[in-house]
Amino acid sequence: MSRLFFSGLVFQPIWTRKAKSAVCCFKKCGHVPRLSDPRFCSTNGQSTSKPSSRIKWFWMPAGVGFALISFIQLRHIQERERRKYTPLEKEHSEKGMPPWQVNLFKVVPTRTLSRLWGAVHEIELPASLRGPVVRLWTWSFGCCLDEAEEDDPCKYPNLSAFFTRKLKQGVRDIEKISDLVCPVDGRVLHFGRLIDGKLEQVKGIPYSLESFLGPQSTFSHLDETKNLYHCVLYLGPGDCHHFHSPTEWHVESRRHFSGELYSVSPWVLKGFRDVLCTNERVSLCGNWKHGAFTMTAVGAYNVGSIKIHFDSELKTNQRKAKKEHFEERKFSESMALDRGDHVGWFAMGSAVVLIFEGPKDFEFTVEHGQKVKLGQALGVVRTKQS
């Protein structure tokens, strides 16, 4: 075999008029090997096929190639979405994923791939493909374009513009009675009370408060008469990617953790420990009427960037970011936010984590795995304080 390869082996397609498809044979320099097929070999060993002709190449419009890449990626995301929504109430293994699977996740250059995918999203689509591509995405993930500020799929110049679409003004009713409302359109992955400084990304997969928010956070000095609560909300590919204020509160500082960009889909969170603590994230820290309050936007695979509309200095998913440290900015004046106020946005799917101090009779009004809408009641204090 090695002698054959090093003596000038050539791979050449041979086409015939009668053949229904291309038939390939190996041709050695100056010698045609024997073929058992009588269509190509005569009884005396001479080839009877027609002289080979060169394959004719043709140009394909760039838009067609881009549409093909988008369709392949869409199929991958659609398959991932089908697998992820198993019942979240089931008990999950305390061991999480096997070490080899975790190591496999870690060797994937998710930050680089996310930047590349973000660049693909920015490519302007040909006018003839805008409608079909956007309609395919909305059909695959159940998007409701009637709720979007721009409901004409042909008006989106690229996929990035579609993913960061805004909702129409007034399309979501912001509940006024509850103490806390949903800040996003998404799904409730987990919620509950912090015990011994531990919270859970999903049931049975805990992580520490300090590893998520960093040292000397807003919750360094707690009121013993109150509890700490948390809620994890997941935004899928079909959801609106803007997040809003869940209550009336004041933002005093921002922390930016330059981490990885692993997937935060439920099936990953159920097996990969510390994903929320490992991924890049932006935490807004402040106070509400019941004590300390934080809202954290967690980046994920395929998420190009996280934007906070009142913080122009924030730059996420940078190439030479220091992952071991976090950057903190204290605002000269606290930012007063009302419930429903626009806070920021990110591309593709991601997660928002709320951690806050509250009375001991605070109760969540949602269920694990529930699909929720922006402005829907999330939690209430049963005994109203005067």
Protein backbone atom coordinates (compact mmCIF):
# COMPACT_ATOMS: atom_id res chain seq x y z
CA MET A 1 0.00 0.00 0.00
CA SER A 2 2.75 2.46 0.92
CA ARG A 3 4.54 1.68 -2.34
CA LEU A 4 1.40 2.48 -4.27
CA PHE A 5 0.90 5.79 -2.47
CA PHE A 6 4.46 7.00 -2.91
CA SER A 7 4.73 6.06 -6.56
CA GLY A 8 2.46 8.83 -7.77
CA LEU A 9 -1.12 7.87 -6.91
CA VAL A 10 -3.73 10.14 -8.49
CA PHE A 11 -7.45 10.26 -7.62
CA GLN A 12 -9.33 11.06 -10.80
CA PRO A 13 -13.08 10.95 -11.59
CA ILE A 14 -14.09 9.34 -14.87
CA TRP A 15 -17.39 10.36 -16.46
CA THR A 16 -19.27 8.48 -19.16
CA ARG A 17 -22.42 9.35 -21.06
CA LYS A 18 -24.18 6.13 -20.04
CA ALA A 19 -23.15 6.21 -16.38
CA LYS A 20 -25.83 7.60 -14.08
CA SER A 21 -23.28 8.94 -11.60
CA ALA A 22 -19.60 9.72 -11.35
CA VAL A 23 -17.44 6.60 -11.01
CA CYS A 24 -14.04 7.05 -9.38
CA CYS A 25 -10.97 4.90 -9.87
CA PHE A 26 -7.37 5.13 -8.80
CA LYS A 27 -4.93 5.84 -11.59
CA LYS A 28 -1.24 5.26 -11.19
CA CYS A 29 1.12 7.44 -13.19
CA GLY A 30 1.36 5.95 -16.66
CA HIS A 31 -0.69 2.89 -15.76
CA VAL A 32 -4.41 2.15 -15.44
CA PRO A 33 -5.23 -0.48 -12.77
CA ARG A 34 -7.51 -3.36 -13.66
CA LEU A 35 -11.20 -2.89 -13.07
CA SER A 36 -13.63 -5.77 -12.77
CA ASP A 37 -16.56 -3.76 -14.15
CA PRO A 38 -17.01 -4.78 -17.84
CA ARG A 39 -18.32 -1.32 -18.67
CA PHE A 40 -14.84 0.09 -18.16
CA CYS A 41 -12.54 -2.78 -19.08
CA SER A 42 -12.43 -4.90 -22.25
CA THR A 43 -11.25 -8.50 -22.43
CA ASN A 44 -7.71 -7.50 -23.39
CA GLY A 45 -7.27 -5.17 -20.39
CA GLN A 46 -7.69 -1.96 -22.42
CA SER A 47 -10.04 0.69 -21.03
CA THR A 48 -13.08 1.32 -23.24
CA SER A 49 -14.38 4.38 -21.39
CA LYS A 50 -14.61 7.78 -23.00
CA PRO A 51 -11.82 10.27 -22.26
CA SER A 52 -12.35 11.93 -18.89
CA SER A 53 -13.66 15.47 -18.79
CA ARG A 54 -12.95 18.11 -16.17
CA ILE A 55 -15.62 18.93 -13.57
CA LYS A 56 -17.20 22.29 -14.28
CA TRP A 57 -17.40 24.60 -11.29
CA PHE A 58 -20.11 27.19 -10.96
CA TRP A 59 -20.58 30.21 -8.71
CA MET A 60 -23.15 30.09 -5.91
CA PRO A 61 -24.61 33.36 -4.55
CA ALA A 62 -23.20 34.24 -1.13
CA GLY A 63 -26.72 34.55 0.25
CA VAL A 64 -27.45 30.90 -0.56
CA GLY A 65 -24.35 29.77 1.30
CA PHE A 66 -25.20 31.96 4.26
CA ALA A 67 -28.75 30.57 4.32
CA LEU A 68 -27.35 27.02 4.34
CA ILE A 69 -25.06 27.78 7.30
CA SER A 70 -27.96 29.38 9.15
CA PHE A 71 -30.20 26.39 8.46
CA ILE A 72 -27.60 23.93 9.79
CA GLN A 73 -27.13 25.99 12.94
CA LEU A 74 -30.90 26.25 13.29
CA ARG A 75 -31.23 22.46 13.21
CA HIS A 76 -28.61 22.12 15.95
CA ILE A 77 -30.37 24.65 18.16
CA GLN A 78 -33.77 23.12 17.47
CA GLU A 79 -32.52 19.66 18.48
CA ARG A 80 -31.00 21.12 21.64
CA GLU A 81 -34.31 22.80 22.49
CA ARG A 82 -36.18 19.51 22.06
CA ARG A 83 -33.88 17.72 24.51
CA LYS A 84 -33.66 20.34 27.19
CA TYR A 85 -37.21 20.63 28.51
CA THR A 86 -37.50 17.41 30.42
CA PRO A 87 -39.53 17.80 33.62
CA LEU A 88 -37.48 20.01 35.93
CA GLU A 89 -39.20 18.61 39.02
CA LYS A 90 -37.33 15.32 38.76
CA GLU A 91 -34.43 14.72 41.12
CA HIS A 92 -31.04 15.35 39.52
CA SER A 93 -27.84 13.53 40.33
CA GLU A 94 -25.61 15.24 42.88
CA LYS A 95 -22.60 14.08 40.89
CA GLY A 96 -23.49 16.04 37.79
CA MET A 97 -21.76 15.21 34.51
CA PRO A 98 -18.89 12.72 34.38
CA PRO A 99 -15.47 14.45 34.47
CA TRP A 100 -14.72 13.59 30.84
CA GLN A 101 -17.86 15.40 29.66
CA VAL A 102 -17.01 18.47 31.73
CA ASN A 103 -13.46 18.47 30.34
CA LEU A 104 -14.88 18.17 26.83
CA PHE A 105 -16.99 21.27 27.45
CA LYS A 106 -13.97 23.17 28.73
CA VAL A 107 -11.73 22.52 25.71
CA VAL A 108 -14.25 24.00 23.28
CA PRO A 109 -13.26 27.63 22.49
CA THR A 110 -16.74 28.95 23.27
CA ARG A 111 -15.70 32.62 23.49
CA THR A 112 -14.06 32.55 20.05
CA LEU A 113 -16.93 30.61 18.50
CA SER A 114 -19.44 33.01 20.05
CA ARG A 115 -17.62 35.99 18.55
CA LEU A 116 -17.57 34.26 15.15
CA TRP A 117 -21.26 33.42 15.38
CA GLY A 118 -21.93 37.01 16.39
CA ALA A 119 -20.07 38.17 13.27
CA VAL A 120 -22.19 35.84 11.12
CA HIS A 121 -25.33 37.34 12.68
CA GLU A 122 -24.17 40.79 11.58
CA ILE A 123 -23.89 39.81 7.90
CA GLU A 124 -26.58 41.55 5.91
CA LEU A 125 -29.03 39.14 4.34
CA PRO A 126 -30.09 39.54 0.71
CA ALA A 127 -33.55 41.08 0.55
CA SER A 128 -34.95 37.92 -1.05
CA LEU A 129 -33.80 35.75 1.89
CA ARG A 130 -34.78 37.93 4.83
CA GLY A 131 -38.41 36.87 4.93
CA PRO A 132 -37.82 33.10 4.51
CA VAL A 133 -34.96 32.98 7.06
CA VAL A 134 -36.86 34.92 9.73
CA ARG A 135 -40.08 32.96 9.12
CA LEU A 136 -38.16 29.68 9.42
CA TRP A 137 -36.76 30.77 12.78
CA THR A 138 -40.12 31.99 14.10
CA TRP A 139 -41.79 28.74 13.03
CA SER A 140 -39.05 26.59 14.61
CA PHE A 141 -39.12 28.28 18.02
CA GLY A 142 -42.66 29.61 18.23
CA CYS A 143 -41.79 33.30 18.03
CA CYS A 144 -44.72 35.69 17.86
CA LEU A 145 -43.82 38.46 15.43
CA ASP A 146 -47.15 40.15 16.06
CA GLU A 147 -45.76 41.17 19.48
CA ALA A 148 -42.56 42.64 18.03
CA GLU A 149 -42.07 46.33 17.48
CA GLU A 150 -41.23 45.45 13.86
CA ASP A 151 -43.62 42.69 12.74
CA ASP A 152 -42.50 42.53 9.09
CA PRO A 153 -39.87 39.74 8.74
CA CYS A 154 -38.53 41.33 5.57
CA LYS A 155 -37.50 44.45 7.49
CA TYR A 156 -34.79 42.68 9.52
CA PRO A 157 -31.46 43.20 7.69
CA ASN A 158 -29.70 40.37 9.56
CA LEU A 159 -30.24 37.75 12.24
CA SER A 160 -28.77 39.98 14.93
CA ALA A 161 -31.47 42.58 14.34
CA PHE A 162 -34.11 39.88 14.68
CA PHE A 163 -32.66 38.34 17.86
CA THR A 164 -32.49 41.75 19.57
CA ARG A 165 -35.97 42.80 18.48
CA LYS A 166 -38.04 44.85 20.92
CA LEU A 167 -41.60 44.22 22.00
CA LYS A 168 -44.37 46.60 21.06
CA GLN A 169 -45.12 49.26 23.62
CA GLY A 170 -47.85 48.00 25.96
CA VAL A 171 -47.90 44.42 24.63
CA ARG A 172 -47.03 43.14 28.14
CA ASP A 173 -49.12 44.10 31.17
CA ILE A 174 -46.87 44.89 34.14
CA GLU A 175 -48.52 43.51 37.29
CA LYS A 176 -48.75 46.15 40.03
CA ILE A 177 -49.90 44.25 43.12
CA SER A 178 -47.08 41.71 43.51
CA ASP A 179 -43.79 42.73 45.07
CA LEU A 180 -41.80 41.11 42.27
CA VAL A 181 -42.57 40.56 38.58
CA CYS A 182 -40.83 38.59 35.83
CA PRO A 183 -38.10 40.67 34.17
CA VAL A 184 -38.12 38.64 30.93
CA ASP A 185 -40.01 36.33 28.64
CA GLY A 186 -38.57 32.93 29.49
CA ARG A 187 -38.80 29.85 31.66
CA VAL A 188 -38.36 29.41 35.42
CA LEU A 189 -35.48 26.99 36.01
CA HIS A 190 -35.24 27.22 39.78
CA PHE A 191 -36.14 29.41 42.76
CA GLY A 192 -36.02 29.21 46.51
CA ARG A 193 -34.31 30.35 49.69
CA LEU A 194 -30.56 30.41 50.18
CA ILE A 195 -29.34 28.05 52.89
CA ASP A 196 -25.80 28.38 54.30
CA GLY A 197 -24.85 30.73 51.47
CA LYS A 198 -25.78 28.17 48.81
CA LEU A 199 -28.18 28.55 45.90
CA GLU A 200 -29.03 26.16 43.07
CA GLN A 201 -28.84 26.59 39.31
CA VAL A 202 -31.33 23.70 39.09
CA LYS A 203 -32.56 21.27 41.73
CA GLY A 204 -29.64 19.37 43.26
CA ILE A 205 -26.85 21.39 41.59
CA PRO A 206 -25.72 24.05 44.13
CA TYR A 207 -23.15 26.85 43.98
CA SER A 208 -22.03 29.45 46.48
CA LEU A 209 -23.15 33.05 46.70
CA GLU A 210 -19.58 34.34 46.92
CA SER A 211 -18.44 32.44 43.82
CA PHE A 212 -21.32 33.97 41.86
CA LEU A 213 -21.26 37.60 43.06
CA GLY A 214 -17.66 37.81 44.27
CA PRO A 215 -16.30 38.77 47.70
CA GLN A 216 -17.65 41.66 49.73
CA SER A 217 -20.85 41.78 47.73
CA THR A 218 -24.11 43.53 48.53
CA PHE A 219 -25.00 40.66 50.87
CA SER A 220 -21.90 40.87 53.08
CA HIS A 221 -23.99 42.27 55.96
CA LEU A 222 -27.38 40.61 56.25
CA ASP A 223 -30.40 41.32 58.40
CA GLU A 224 -31.00 38.20 60.48
CA THR A 225 -34.73 38.91 60.57
CA LYS A 226 -34.92 38.35 56.80
CA ASN A 227 -34.09 35.61 54.31
CA LEU A 228 -32.14 35.51 51.06
CA TYR A 229 -34.01 34.31 47.96
CA HIS A 230 -33.00 33.58 44.40
CA CYS A 231 -34.65 32.85 41.06
CA VAL A 232 -33.08 31.59 37.80
CA LEU A 233 -34.86 32.45 34.54
CA TYR A 234 -33.81 31.03 31.17
CA LEU A 235 -34.32 32.83 27.85
CA GLY A 236 -34.56 30.49 24.87
CA PRO A 237 -33.69 31.27 21.23
CA GLY A 238 -37.30 32.17 20.47
CA ASP A 239 -37.76 34.58 23.39
CA CYS A 240 -37.32 38.33 23.34
CA HIS A 241 -33.74 38.97 24.51
CA HIS A 242 -34.35 42.20 26.41
CA PHE A 243 -34.54 42.21 30.20
CA HIS A 244 -36.38 44.69 32.40
CA SER A 245 -36.58 45.77 36.01
CA PRO A 246 -38.54 43.29 38.18
CA THR A 247 -39.42 45.84 40.88
CA GLU A 248 -38.80 49.36 42.15
CA TRP A 249 -35.17 49.57 43.23
CA HIS A 250 -31.94 51.59 43.06
CA VAL A 251 -28.84 50.31 41.24
CA GLU A 252 -25.68 51.47 42.99
CA SER A 253 -22.93 49.43 41.32
CA ARG A 254 -22.13 47.02 38.52
CA ARG A 255 -19.78 44.04 38.52
CA HIS A 256 -18.52 42.44 35.30
CA PHE A 257 -17.07 38.92 35.49
CA SER A 258 -15.16 37.93 32.32
CA GLY A 259 -15.73 34.18 32.29
CA GLU A 260 -16.46 31.48 29.77
CA LEU A 261 -19.49 31.21 27.50
CA TYR A 262 -20.85 27.72 28.06
CA SER A 263 -24.45 26.91 27.27
CA VAL A 264 -26.93 27.72 30.05
CA SER A 265 -29.72 25.55 28.68
CA PRO A 266 -31.48 23.41 31.32
CA TRP A 267 -29.96 20.10 30.22
CA VAL A 268 -26.46 21.57 30.71
CA LEU A 269 -27.30 23.19 34.05
CA LYS A 270 -28.63 19.86 35.31
CA GLY A 271 -25.25 18.20 34.82
CA PHE A 272 -22.49 20.82 34.64
CA ARG A 273 -21.73 22.27 38.07
CA ASP A 274 -20.88 25.95 38.50
CA VAL A 275 -21.85 26.97 34.96
CA LEU A 276 -23.47 30.16 36.25
CA CYS A 277 -20.33 30.94 38.29
CA THR A 278 -18.01 30.15 35.37
CA ASN A 279 -19.77 32.04 32.59
CA GLU A 280 -19.31 35.70 31.79
CA ARG A 281 -21.92 37.76 33.62
CA VAL A 282 -22.91 41.27 34.61
CA SER A 283 -24.35 41.87 38.09
CA LEU A 284 -26.31 45.00 38.96
CA CYS A 285 -26.26 45.54 42.72
CA GLY A 286 -28.45 47.80 44.83
CA ASN A 287 -31.39 47.92 47.20
CA TRP A 288 -35.17 47.60 47.15
CA LYS A 289 -37.76 48.19 49.84
CA HIS A 290 -36.95 44.92 51.63
CA GLY A 291 -33.14 45.15 51.59
CA ALA A 292 -30.30 44.20 49.24
CA PHE A 293 -31.14 43.28 45.64
CA THR A 294 -29.10 42.06 42.66
CA MET A 295 -29.97 41.26 39.06
CA THR A 296 -27.41 39.31 37.02
CA ALA A 297 -27.40 38.80 33.25
CA VAL A 298 -25.47 35.60 32.49
CA GLY A 299 -23.86 35.22 29.09
CA ALA A 300 -23.97 31.93 27.20
CA TYR A 301 -22.68 30.14 24.13
CA ASN A 302 -23.56 32.05 20.93
CA VAL A 303 -24.26 35.19 22.98
CA GLY A 304 -22.14 37.90 21.39
CA SER A 305 -22.48 40.51 24.11
CA ILE A 306 -24.41 41.79 27.11
CA LYS A 307 -25.60 45.39 27.01
CA ILE A 308 -26.81 47.64 29.83
CA HIS A 309 -28.50 50.68 28.36
CA PHE A 310 -27.36 53.10 31.10
CA ASP A 311 -23.76 51.80 31.23
CA SER A 312 -21.86 52.68 28.05
CA GLU A 313 -18.51 51.70 29.62
CA LEU A 314 -19.45 48.02 29.79
CA LYS A 315 -17.64 45.86 27.22
CA THR A 316 -18.26 42.10 27.25
CA ASN A 317 -16.80 39.09 25.42
CA GLN A 318 -13.44 40.78 24.85
CA ARG A 319 -10.55 38.74 23.44
CA LYS A 320 -7.97 39.45 26.17
CA ALA A 321 -10.26 39.60 29.16
CA LYS A 322 -8.91 38.55 32.58
CA LYS A 323 -11.13 35.72 33.73
CA GLU A 324 -9.70 35.53 37.26
CA HIS A 325 -10.92 38.97 38.29
CA PHE A 326 -14.02 41.12 38.04
CA GLU A 327 -14.39 44.76 37.14
CA GLU A 328 -16.56 46.90 39.40
CA ARG A 329 -18.07 50.28 38.69
CA LYS A 330 -19.80 52.32 41.36
CA PHE A 331 -22.24 54.81 39.90
CA SER A 332 -21.84 58.39 41.10
CA GLU A 333 -25.61 58.53 41.51
CA SER A 334 -27.79 55.49 42.05
CA MET A 335 -29.99 54.54 39.11
CA ALA A 336 -33.67 54.55 40.12
CA LEU A 337 -35.64 51.87 38.26
CA ASP A 338 -39.36 51.19 38.26
CA ARG A 339 -40.86 47.80 37.54
CA GLY A 340 -40.93 47.16 33.82
CA ASP A 341 -38.20 49.69 33.01
CA HIS A 342 -35.84 48.56 30.26
CA VAL A 343 -32.44 47.49 31.63
CA GLY A 344 -30.53 45.78 28.80
CA TRP A 345 -30.35 42.97 26.28
CA PHE A 346 -28.20 40.18 24.86
CA ALA A 347 -28.13 38.02 21.73
CA MET A 348 -29.50 34.47 21.47
CA GLY A 349 -30.52 32.61 24.63
CA SER A 350 -29.15 33.25 28.09
CA ALA A 351 -30.22 33.53 31.73
CA VAL A 352 -31.14 36.14 34.33
CA VAL A 353 -30.56 35.44 38.03
CA LEU A 354 -32.27 37.44 40.79
CA ILE A 355 -30.84 37.31 44.33
CA PHE A 356 -32.48 39.46 46.96
CA GLU A 357 -33.21 40.00 50.62
CA GLY A 358 -36.83 39.67 51.69
CA PRO A 359 -39.20 39.07 54.60
CA LYS A 360 -39.58 35.53 55.87
CA ASP A 361 -43.13 35.35 54.56
CA PHE A 362 -42.10 36.13 50.97
CA GLU A 363 -43.46 33.52 48.55
CA PHE A 364 -42.86 32.84 44.88
CA THR A 365 -46.01 32.66 42.77
CA VAL A 366 -44.57 30.56 39.93
CA GLU A 367 -43.66 26.90 39.48
CA HIS A 368 -40.46 25.16 38.40
CA GLY A 369 -40.30 24.81 34.63
CA GLN A 370 -43.14 27.29 34.08
CA LYS A 371 -43.13 29.46 30.97
CA VAL A 372 -43.46 33.11 32.02
CA LYS A 373 -43.92 36.50 30.38
CA LEU A 374 -42.48 39.91 31.15
CA GLY A 375 -44.50 41.65 33.87
CA GLN A 376 -46.13 38.48 35.18
CA ALA A 377 -46.28 38.12 38.99
CA LEU A 378 -43.16 36.38 40.32
CA GLY A 379 -43.38 36.75 44.11
CA VAL A 380 -45.30 38.44 46.90
CA VAL A 381 -44.94 39.24 50.60
CA ARG A 382 -47.99 37.72 52.28
CA THR A 383 -47.99 40.11 55.25
CA LYS A 384 -47.83 43.64 53.95
CA GLN A 385 -45.67 45.94 56.02
CA SER A 386 -46.94 49.35 56.95
